[in-house]
Amino acid sequence: MIGPLLLGFVLLALLGVPMAVAMGVAVAVTMAFFTPFPVLGVIQRMVTGIDSFVLISIPFFMLTGRLMNAGGITNDLFRFARSLVGPIRGGLAHANVIANMILAGMSGSAVADAGGMGVVVIKAMHEQGYRKELAAAITVAASTIGPIIPPSIPMVIYGAMAEVSVGRLFLGGFVPGALMGLGLMALIYLFSFREAMPRDRLYGLGEILEAFRSAFLSLLTPVILIGGILSGIFTPTEASAVAAIYAFVLCFFIYKTVTLRDIPEIIVDTFVTTAVVTFIISATSGLSYLLIVGKIGSMLVESTLALTHNPWIVLFIINIALLVLGCLMEAGVLLILLTPILVPMMKSLGVDLVHFGLVMVLNLMIGVATPPVGMCLFVVSGATGIKLERLMREVIPWVIPLIVVLFLITYFPSLVLTVPNWLMPAK
């Protein structure tokens, strides 16, 4: 059963069939000809696979990101970040990272951050003398922070599939996200001498306060979300609706940068993206079901434990495998496909599932910045007109700090678990 399932899936994927369709067809054919189960079971699994209250937050967080981008909020955030670190050597590059860290607390998506922040920041850096490819590469690497600092769409998906508290996952992302930003800024400082990166002008206190005032309401977004979750006013799922409403009020009523004519396009774009994500989750549910019935998870656990009972070695192997797979497949597909397989193994090894969730999400987010299929590479390349192959070469050094942070949080779980254990202890 498992052989025909995997063979059919791989063949269809190699033929260029969309991943979700390939999974659905492979599952249907396998159930029809190689199992005693009725094909109707595929439909049942596809429906029950997305019958989760937590998944409601996906379209709301996506809508929040679309509204923020359409409303030009990225301009205010970048201006504020620039006023803080501009005078440092490589100041605009540092501001790029800081602005992405702030935007991460609003959109929850690496691709949204790359698309929203990318054009603004790259243009400003290029005009000040930075090589356009360098500016684009830093933007791609910095956008990976988006799904690590809460809110995070990948964490919502992982939490729903692994039955883990999304609130604890959100809190666990703060320290890794900060480390990613600091790592990139350290590398920028080292590169600033080789690249002769310019300094920005010194901003006066009045200008800094004005930039802060302009960005203040936007900066409140993550404060409202995390504060509401911790205080029990709303759940992480309800927080997504609060974020969308707050973003709409900011863009439509206060800044007035989004008009009624813009709303249909924003909503349709959100619907389409949500449909793609949920269809992948739905199709993967059937695949996961057959893998469970075929006892693949149990076989994988037994095979691994036959080699080693050391969870640190297993995590090392998984990290290397995910880094390689992330270069070849879309991160969201891998997250949805592998979570049901890897979570039982982590349970058997005694690995905290919040810790593993952050490791897995961070690892796969590195994949959105690495060639040949990194989505952020395609987004930034398309937005700037830089040839994709040139951007792929340029981004490689900027992935190194992200990998260092990945292994730091892998082998020092306290970097992930201290904040959630302090603010939202497991019951």
Protein backbone atom coordinates (compact mmCIF):
# COMPACT_ATOMS: atom_id res chain seq x y z
CA MET A 1 0.00 0.00 0.00
CA ILE A 2 2.68 2.51 0.98
CA GLY A 3 4.83 1.72 -2.08
CA PRO A 4 2.12 2.56 -4.66
CA LEU A 5 1.09 5.62 -2.61
CA LEU A 6 4.57 7.16 -2.51
CA LEU A 7 5.39 6.11 -6.07
CA GLY A 8 2.20 7.67 -7.42
CA PHE A 9 2.77 10.88 -5.47
CA VAL A 10 6.40 11.23 -6.62
CA LEU A 11 5.57 10.51 -10.27
CA LEU A 12 2.76 13.05 -10.35
CA ALA A 13 4.94 15.65 -8.62
CA LEU A 14 7.74 15.09 -11.15
CA LEU A 15 5.23 15.56 -13.97
CA GLY A 16 4.49 19.01 -12.64
CA VAL A 17 1.10 18.25 -11.11
CA PRO A 18 0.37 20.63 -8.18
CA MET A 19 1.35 19.06 -4.86
CA ALA A 20 -2.15 19.04 -3.39
CA VAL A 21 -3.65 17.44 -6.51
CA ALA A 22 -0.80 14.91 -6.68
CA MET A 23 -1.42 13.90 -3.08
CA GLY A 24 -5.18 13.63 -3.54
CA VAL A 25 -4.95 11.54 -6.72
CA ALA A 26 -2.26 9.27 -5.24
CA VAL A 27 -4.38 8.66 -2.14
CA ALA A 28 -7.55 8.00 -4.17
CA VAL A 29 -5.83 5.53 -6.51
CA THR A 30 -4.14 3.73 -3.61
CA MET A 31 -7.38 3.42 -1.66
CA ALA A 32 -9.25 2.21 -4.76
CA PHE A 33 -6.81 -0.51 -5.85
CA PHE A 34 -4.50 -1.35 -2.94
CA THR A 35 -6.64 -1.13 0.21
CA PRO A 36 -10.00 -2.49 1.40
CA PHE A 37 -11.14 1.07 2.19
CA PRO A 38 -13.76 2.80 -0.01
CA VAL A 39 -12.61 5.79 -2.08
CA LEU A 40 -15.32 7.77 -0.32
CA GLY A 41 -12.99 7.69 2.66
CA VAL A 42 -10.71 10.16 0.85
CA ILE A 43 -13.47 12.75 0.78
CA GLN A 44 -14.29 12.14 4.43
CA ARG A 45 -10.65 12.58 5.44
CA MET A 46 -10.31 15.74 3.33
CA VAL A 47 -13.32 17.26 5.08
CA THR A 48 -12.37 16.24 8.62
CA GLY A 49 -8.76 17.28 8.01
CA ILE A 50 -9.73 20.95 7.87
CA ASP A 51 -12.52 20.72 10.45
CA SER A 52 -10.49 22.59 13.05
CA PHE A 53 -11.36 25.82 14.86
CA VAL A 54 -7.68 26.80 14.96
CA LEU A 55 -7.44 26.90 11.16
CA ILE A 56 -9.97 29.75 11.05
CA SER A 57 -7.10 32.06 11.98
CA ILE A 58 -5.28 31.46 8.68
CA PRO A 59 -7.50 33.67 6.46
CA PHE A 60 -7.65 36.39 9.13
CA PHE A 61 -3.86 36.59 9.50
CA MET A 62 -3.53 36.58 5.72
CA LEU A 63 -6.08 39.39 5.48
CA THR A 64 -4.14 41.35 8.10
CA GLY A 65 -0.96 41.06 6.03
CA ARG A 66 -2.73 42.12 2.82
CA LEU A 67 -4.28 45.16 4.54
CA MET A 68 -0.95 46.19 6.07
CA ASN A 69 0.80 45.98 2.71
CA ALA A 70 -1.96 47.72 0.78
CA GLY A 71 -2.16 50.43 3.43
CA GLY A 72 1.50 51.39 3.11
CA ILE A 73 2.19 50.71 6.78
CA THR A 74 5.57 49.30 5.79
CA ASN A 75 6.74 52.83 4.92
CA ASP A 76 6.17 54.08 8.48
CA LEU A 77 7.81 51.03 10.01
CA PHE A 78 10.90 51.36 7.83
CA ARG A 79 11.15 55.08 8.55
CA PHE A 80 11.05 54.39 12.30
CA ALA A 81 13.66 51.62 12.06
CA ARG A 82 15.84 53.86 9.90
CA SER A 83 15.73 56.67 12.46
CA LEU A 84 17.03 54.28 15.15
CA VAL A 85 19.98 52.62 13.40
CA GLY A 86 20.60 54.72 10.29
CA PRO A 87 23.81 56.38 11.52
CA ILE A 88 25.50 53.00 12.10
CA ARG A 89 27.68 51.73 9.26
CA GLY A 90 25.34 49.79 7.00
CA GLY A 91 22.46 51.60 8.71
CA LEU A 92 19.81 50.98 6.05
CA ALA A 93 20.65 47.28 6.00
CA HIS A 94 20.22 47.16 9.79
CA ALA A 95 16.96 49.09 9.42
CA ASN A 96 15.83 46.50 6.87
CA VAL A 97 16.20 43.72 9.45
CA ILE A 98 14.59 45.68 12.29
CA ALA A 99 11.63 46.68 10.10
CA ASN A 100 11.10 43.05 9.13
CA MET A 101 11.20 42.05 12.80
CA ILE A 102 8.51 44.63 13.57
CA LEU A 103 6.42 43.64 10.55
CA ALA A 104 6.74 40.00 11.67
CA GLY A 105 4.51 40.88 14.61
CA MET A 106 1.71 41.77 12.19
CA SER A 107 1.63 39.58 9.09
CA GLY A 108 2.76 36.09 10.16
CA SER A 109 4.01 35.32 6.65
CA ALA A 110 7.52 35.45 5.16
CA VAL A 111 6.21 35.95 1.64
CA ALA A 112 3.96 38.82 2.77
CA ASP A 113 6.90 40.50 4.50
CA ALA A 114 9.14 40.08 1.46
CA GLY A 115 6.50 41.45 -0.87
CA GLY A 116 5.39 44.28 1.41
CA MET A 117 8.70 45.50 2.80
CA GLY A 118 10.91 44.47 -0.11
CA VAL A 119 10.15 47.14 -2.69
CA VAL A 120 10.32 50.02 -0.19
CA VAL A 121 13.57 48.97 1.48
CA ILE A 122 15.47 47.79 -1.59
CA LYS A 123 14.71 51.05 -3.42
CA ALA A 124 15.94 53.13 -0.46
CA MET A 125 19.12 51.06 -0.07
CA HIS A 126 19.92 51.14 -3.78
CA GLU A 127 19.48 54.92 -3.92
CA GLN A 128 21.98 55.28 -1.06
CA GLY A 129 24.66 53.28 -2.87
CA TYR A 130 24.04 49.65 -1.91
CA ARG A 131 24.26 47.06 -4.64
CA LYS A 132 20.72 46.15 -5.61
CA GLU A 133 21.44 42.40 -5.39
CA LEU A 134 22.88 42.82 -1.89
CA ALA A 135 19.86 44.81 -0.72
CA ALA A 136 17.53 42.18 -2.18
CA ALA A 137 19.43 39.29 -0.56
CA ILE A 138 19.28 40.92 2.89
CA THR A 139 15.54 41.51 2.39
CA VAL A 140 14.97 37.85 1.49
CA ALA A 141 16.89 36.61 4.55
CA ALA A 142 15.18 39.10 6.89
CA SER A 143 11.72 38.09 5.66
CA THR A 144 12.20 34.62 7.15
CA ILE A 145 11.76 36.19 10.60
CA GLY A 146 8.10 36.84 9.73
CA PRO A 147 6.68 33.42 10.71
CA ILE A 148 8.91 33.12 13.81
CA ILE A 149 7.96 36.24 15.75
CA PRO A 150 4.22 35.91 16.45
CA PRO A 151 1.68 35.84 14.96
CA SER A 152 2.64 33.01 12.61
CA ILE A 153 0.59 31.15 10.03
CA PRO A 154 2.96 28.11 9.96
CA MET A 155 2.72 27.85 13.75
CA VAL A 156 -1.07 27.85 13.52
CA ILE A 157 -0.90 24.98 11.02
CA TYR A 158 1.61 23.03 13.12
CA GLY A 159 -0.37 23.65 16.32
CA ALA A 160 -3.58 22.38 14.72
CA MET A 161 -1.95 19.24 13.31
CA ALA A 162 0.20 18.42 16.35
CA GLU A 163 -2.53 19.40 18.84
CA VAL A 164 -0.19 21.84 20.58
CA SER A 165 -1.09 25.18 22.18
CA VAL A 166 -0.76 27.87 19.52
CA GLY A 167 -0.37 30.46 22.28
CA ARG A 168 2.71 28.68 23.65
CA LEU A 169 4.09 28.34 20.12
CA PHE A 170 3.64 32.07 19.57
CA LEU A 171 5.45 32.91 22.81
CA GLY A 172 8.21 30.45 21.97
CA GLY A 173 9.02 32.40 18.81
CA PHE A 174 10.13 35.65 20.44
CA VAL A 175 13.68 34.65 21.42
CA PRO A 176 14.49 32.70 18.21
CA GLY A 177 13.13 35.62 16.13
CA ALA A 178 15.29 38.11 18.03
CA LEU A 179 18.34 35.86 17.60
CA MET A 180 17.72 35.66 13.85
CA GLY A 181 17.61 39.45 13.64
CA LEU A 182 20.76 39.88 15.74
CA GLY A 183 22.58 37.24 13.68
CA LEU A 184 21.76 39.00 10.43
CA MET A 185 22.76 42.37 11.86
CA ALA A 186 26.11 40.95 13.02
CA LEU A 187 26.79 39.67 9.50
CA ILE A 188 25.73 43.03 8.03
CA TYR A 189 28.29 44.76 10.26
CA LEU A 190 31.03 42.39 9.05
CA PHE A 191 30.00 42.88 5.41
CA SER A 192 29.75 46.65 5.85
CA PHE A 193 33.53 47.04 5.59
CA ARG A 194 33.97 44.77 2.57
CA GLU A 195 31.00 46.29 0.77
CA ALA A 196 31.78 49.84 1.93
CA MET A 197 28.21 50.19 3.13
CA PRO A 198 27.30 53.85 3.75
CA ARG A 199 26.01 55.41 6.92
CA ASP A 200 22.70 57.19 7.00
CA ARG A 201 22.50 60.73 8.35
CA LEU A 202 22.10 61.29 12.08
CA TYR A 203 18.46 61.74 13.05
CA GLY A 204 17.55 64.28 15.70
CA LEU A 205 15.47 63.37 18.72
CA GLY A 206 12.51 65.25 17.26
CA GLU A 207 12.71 63.24 14.03
CA ILE A 208 12.92 59.95 15.94
CA LEU A 209 9.87 60.87 18.01
CA GLU A 210 7.98 61.90 14.89
CA ALA A 211 8.83 58.58 13.19
CA PHE A 212 7.73 56.74 16.32
CA ARG A 213 4.46 58.71 16.43
CA SER A 214 3.72 57.83 12.80
CA ALA A 215 4.39 54.12 13.41
CA PHE A 216 2.92 53.96 16.93
CA LEU A 217 -0.50 52.56 16.07
CA SER A 218 1.08 49.93 13.82
CA LEU A 219 3.56 49.01 16.54
CA LEU A 220 0.63 48.35 18.88
CA THR A 221 -0.55 45.40 16.77
CA PRO A 222 1.68 42.69 18.32
CA VAL A 223 1.18 44.26 21.77
CA ILE A 224 -2.61 43.99 21.42
CA LEU A 225 -2.44 40.42 20.09
CA ILE A 226 -0.05 38.96 22.64
CA GLY A 227 -1.52 41.02 25.49
CA GLY A 228 -5.02 39.82 24.65
CA ILE A 229 -3.91 36.18 24.47
CA LEU A 230 -2.00 36.30 27.76
CA SER A 231 -4.78 38.14 29.58
CA GLY A 232 -7.36 35.65 28.38
CA ILE A 233 -9.44 38.28 26.56
CA PHE A 234 -9.26 36.21 23.40
CA THR A 235 -7.71 32.98 22.16
CA PRO A 236 -4.94 32.85 19.52
CA THR A 237 -7.60 31.99 16.95
CA GLU A 238 -9.78 34.94 17.96
CA ALA A 239 -6.67 37.12 17.98
CA SER A 240 -6.45 36.69 14.20
CA ALA A 241 -9.87 38.30 13.77
CA VAL A 242 -8.89 41.11 16.14
CA ALA A 243 -5.73 41.70 14.08
CA ALA A 244 -7.71 41.87 10.83
CA ILE A 245 -10.24 44.32 12.29
CA TYR A 246 -7.47 46.47 13.77
CA ALA A 247 -5.57 46.52 10.46
CA PHE A 248 -8.75 47.54 8.62
CA VAL A 249 -9.48 50.36 11.07
CA LEU A 250 -5.90 51.65 10.74
CA CYS A 251 -5.78 51.54 6.95
CA PHE A 252 -9.34 52.60 6.17
CA PHE A 253 -10.37 55.05 8.90
CA ILE A 254 -7.14 56.43 10.42
CA TYR A 255 -4.47 56.45 7.69
CA LYS A 256 -7.08 56.36 4.89
CA THR A 257 -4.63 54.57 2.61
CA VAL A 258 -7.12 51.82 1.71
CA THR A 259 -10.33 52.77 -0.09
CA LEU A 260 -13.54 50.92 -0.82
CA ARG A 261 -12.25 50.20 -4.33
CA ASP A 262 -9.25 48.35 -2.85
CA ILE A 263 -11.29 46.07 -0.57
CA PRO A 264 -12.60 43.57 -3.19
CA GLU A 265 -9.10 42.89 -4.55
CA ILE A 266 -7.67 42.44 -1.03
CA ILE A 267 -10.46 40.06 -0.04
CA VAL A 268 -10.28 38.01 -3.25
CA ASP A 269 -6.50 37.74 -2.91
CA THR A 270 -6.98 36.52 0.67
CA PHE A 271 -9.65 34.02 -0.39
CA VAL A 272 -7.47 32.57 -3.15
CA THR A 273 -4.40 32.19 -0.92
CA THR A 274 -6.49 30.68 1.88
CA ALA A 275 -8.11 28.23 -0.54
CA VAL A 276 -4.69 27.04 -1.73
CA VAL A 277 -3.41 26.52 1.83
CA THR A 278 -6.54 24.75 3.09
CA PHE A 279 -6.71 22.56 -0.02
CA ILE A 280 -3.14 21.42 0.64
CA ILE A 281 -4.03 20.68 4.28
CA SER A 282 -7.17 18.85 3.16
CA ALA A 283 -5.37 16.71 0.57
CA THR A 284 -2.57 15.94 3.01
CA SER A 285 -5.09 14.63 5.55
CA GLY A 286 -5.88 11.70 3.26
CA LEU A 287 -2.19 11.00 2.76
CA SER A 288 -1.54 11.20 6.49
CA TYR A 289 -4.41 8.80 7.15
CA LEU A 290 -2.93 6.15 4.87
CA LEU A 291 0.50 6.63 6.40
CA ILE A 292 -1.04 6.07 9.83
CA VAL A 293 -3.02 3.02 8.68
CA GLY A 294 0.11 1.68 7.02
CA LYS A 295 1.95 2.21 10.33
CA ILE A 296 4.63 4.30 8.66
CA GLY A 297 4.96 6.44 11.76
CA SER A 298 5.47 3.40 13.96
CA MET A 299 7.94 1.89 11.50
CA LEU A 300 9.88 5.15 11.34
CA VAL A 301 10.02 5.40 15.13
CA GLU A 302 11.14 1.78 15.47
CA SER A 303 13.79 2.16 12.76
CA THR A 304 15.13 5.32 14.33
CA LEU A 305 15.21 3.88 17.83
CA ALA A 306 17.01 0.83 16.48
CA LEU A 307 19.82 3.16 15.44
CA THR A 308 19.84 5.54 18.42
CA HIS A 309 17.79 6.57 21.44
CA ASN A 310 19.57 9.92 21.62
CA PRO A 311 17.04 12.68 20.78
CA TRP A 312 19.83 15.14 19.95
CA ILE A 313 21.18 12.91 17.21
CA VAL A 314 17.69 12.38 15.84
CA LEU A 315 17.06 16.14 15.83
CA PHE A 316 20.35 16.67 14.00
CA ILE A 317 19.35 14.17 11.30
CA ILE A 318 15.90 15.73 10.98
CA ASN A 319 17.37 19.23 10.69
CA ILE A 320 19.73 18.20 7.90
CA ALA A 321 16.92 16.37 6.08
CA LEU A 322 14.56 19.36 6.37
CA LEU A 323 17.23 21.80 5.20
CA VAL A 324 17.74 19.69 2.08
CA LEU A 325 14.02 19.15 1.47
CA GLY A 326 13.38 22.86 2.03
CA CYS A 327 15.60 23.61 -0.94
CA LEU A 328 13.50 21.32 -3.15
CA MET A 329 9.89 21.64 -1.96
CA GLU A 330 7.57 24.41 -0.78
CA ALA A 331 7.78 24.96 2.98
CA GLY A 332 4.03 24.84 3.63
CA VAL A 333 3.66 21.51 1.87
CA LEU A 334 6.54 20.00 3.86
CA LEU A 335 5.12 21.30 7.14
CA ILE A 336 1.71 19.80 6.47
CA LEU A 337 3.10 16.57 5.06
CA LEU A 338 5.75 15.82 7.68
CA THR A 339 4.13 17.01 10.92
CA PRO A 340 1.91 13.90 11.33
CA ILE A 341 4.94 11.69 10.69
CA LEU A 342 7.53 13.43 12.88
CA VAL A 343 5.39 14.41 15.88
CA PRO A 344 4.82 10.79 17.07
CA MET A 345 8.57 10.22 16.87
CA MET A 346 9.25 13.32 18.98
CA LYS A 347 6.70 12.14 21.55
CA SER A 348 8.41 8.76 21.81
CA LEU A 349 11.78 10.45 22.32
CA GLY A 350 10.43 12.83 24.96
CA VAL A 351 11.06 16.00 22.93
CA ASP A 352 8.80 18.91 23.88
CA LEU A 353 6.42 19.51 20.98
CA VAL A 354 6.52 23.30 21.36
CA HIS A 355 10.31 23.16 21.11
CA PHE A 356 10.15 20.86 18.10
CA GLY A 357 7.50 23.05 16.47
CA LEU A 358 9.79 26.08 16.56
CA VAL A 359 12.71 24.01 15.26
CA MET A 360 10.61 22.68 12.40
CA VAL A 361 9.06 26.02 11.44
CA LEU A 362 12.38 27.89 11.57
CA ASN A 363 14.05 25.18 9.51
CA LEU A 364 11.38 25.28 6.84
CA MET A 365 11.39 29.10 6.78
CA ILE A 366 15.06 28.96 5.85
CA GLY A 367 13.81 27.03 2.83
CA VAL A 368 11.79 30.03 1.58
CA ALA A 369 15.08 31.92 1.22
CA THR A 370 17.18 29.16 -0.36
CA PRO A 371 17.42 28.13 -4.02
CA PRO A 372 16.04 26.66 -6.14
CA VAL A 373 12.40 26.93 -4.97
CA GLY A 374 12.51 29.57 -2.20
CA MET A 375 9.28 31.53 -2.55
CA CYS A 376 10.74 34.77 -1.16
CA LEU A 377 13.43 34.64 -3.84
CA PHE A 378 10.75 34.58 -6.53
CA VAL A 379 8.74 37.36 -4.88
CA VAL A 380 11.71 39.72 -4.46
CA SER A 381 13.11 38.89 -7.90
CA GLY A 382 9.77 39.66 -9.51
CA ALA A 383 9.31 42.89 -7.53
CA THR A 384 12.79 44.25 -8.27
CA GLY A 385 13.59 42.87 -11.72
CA ILE A 386 16.79 41.21 -10.48
CA LYS A 387 17.60 38.00 -12.32
CA LEU A 388 16.72 35.02 -10.17
CA GLU A 389 20.06 33.25 -10.59
CA ARG A 390 21.97 36.35 -9.45
CA LEU A 391 19.78 36.71 -6.38
CA MET A 392 20.19 33.00 -5.56
CA ARG A 393 23.99 33.38 -5.49
CA GLU A 394 23.82 36.56 -3.45
CA VAL A 395 21.55 35.18 -0.72
CA ILE A 396 23.72 32.17 0.27
CA PRO A 397 25.93 33.95 2.89
CA TRP A 398 22.85 35.47 4.52
CA VAL A 399 21.37 32.06 5.21
CA ILE A 400 24.34 31.12 7.45
CA PRO A 401 23.25 33.12 10.56
CA LEU A 402 19.78 31.60 10.24
CA ILE A 403 21.22 28.07 10.25
CA VAL A 404 23.36 28.94 13.29
CA VAL A 405 20.23 30.08 15.16
CA LEU A 406 18.43 26.92 14.06
CA PHE A 407 21.01 24.68 15.73
CA LEU A 408 21.19 26.95 18.78
CA ILE A 409 17.47 26.56 19.49
CA THR A 410 17.69 22.85 18.65
CA TYR A 411 20.28 22.11 21.33
CA PHE A 412 19.28 24.80 23.83
CA PRO A 413 15.51 24.26 24.25
CA SER A 414 15.35 26.93 26.96
CA LEU A 415 15.75 29.54 24.20
CA VAL A 416 12.31 28.47 23.02
CA LEU A 417 10.58 27.30 26.20
CA THR A 418 11.55 29.91 28.81
CA VAL A 419 9.07 32.57 27.67
CA PRO A 420 6.04 30.25 27.24
CA ASN A 421 6.81 28.44 30.52
CA TRP A 422 6.94 31.82 32.26
CA LEU A 423 3.91 33.49 30.70
CA MET A 424 1.70 30.53 29.72
CA PRO A 425 2.67 27.42 31.72
CA ALA A 426 1.46 24.13 30.28
CA LYS A 427 -1.57 22.77 32.11
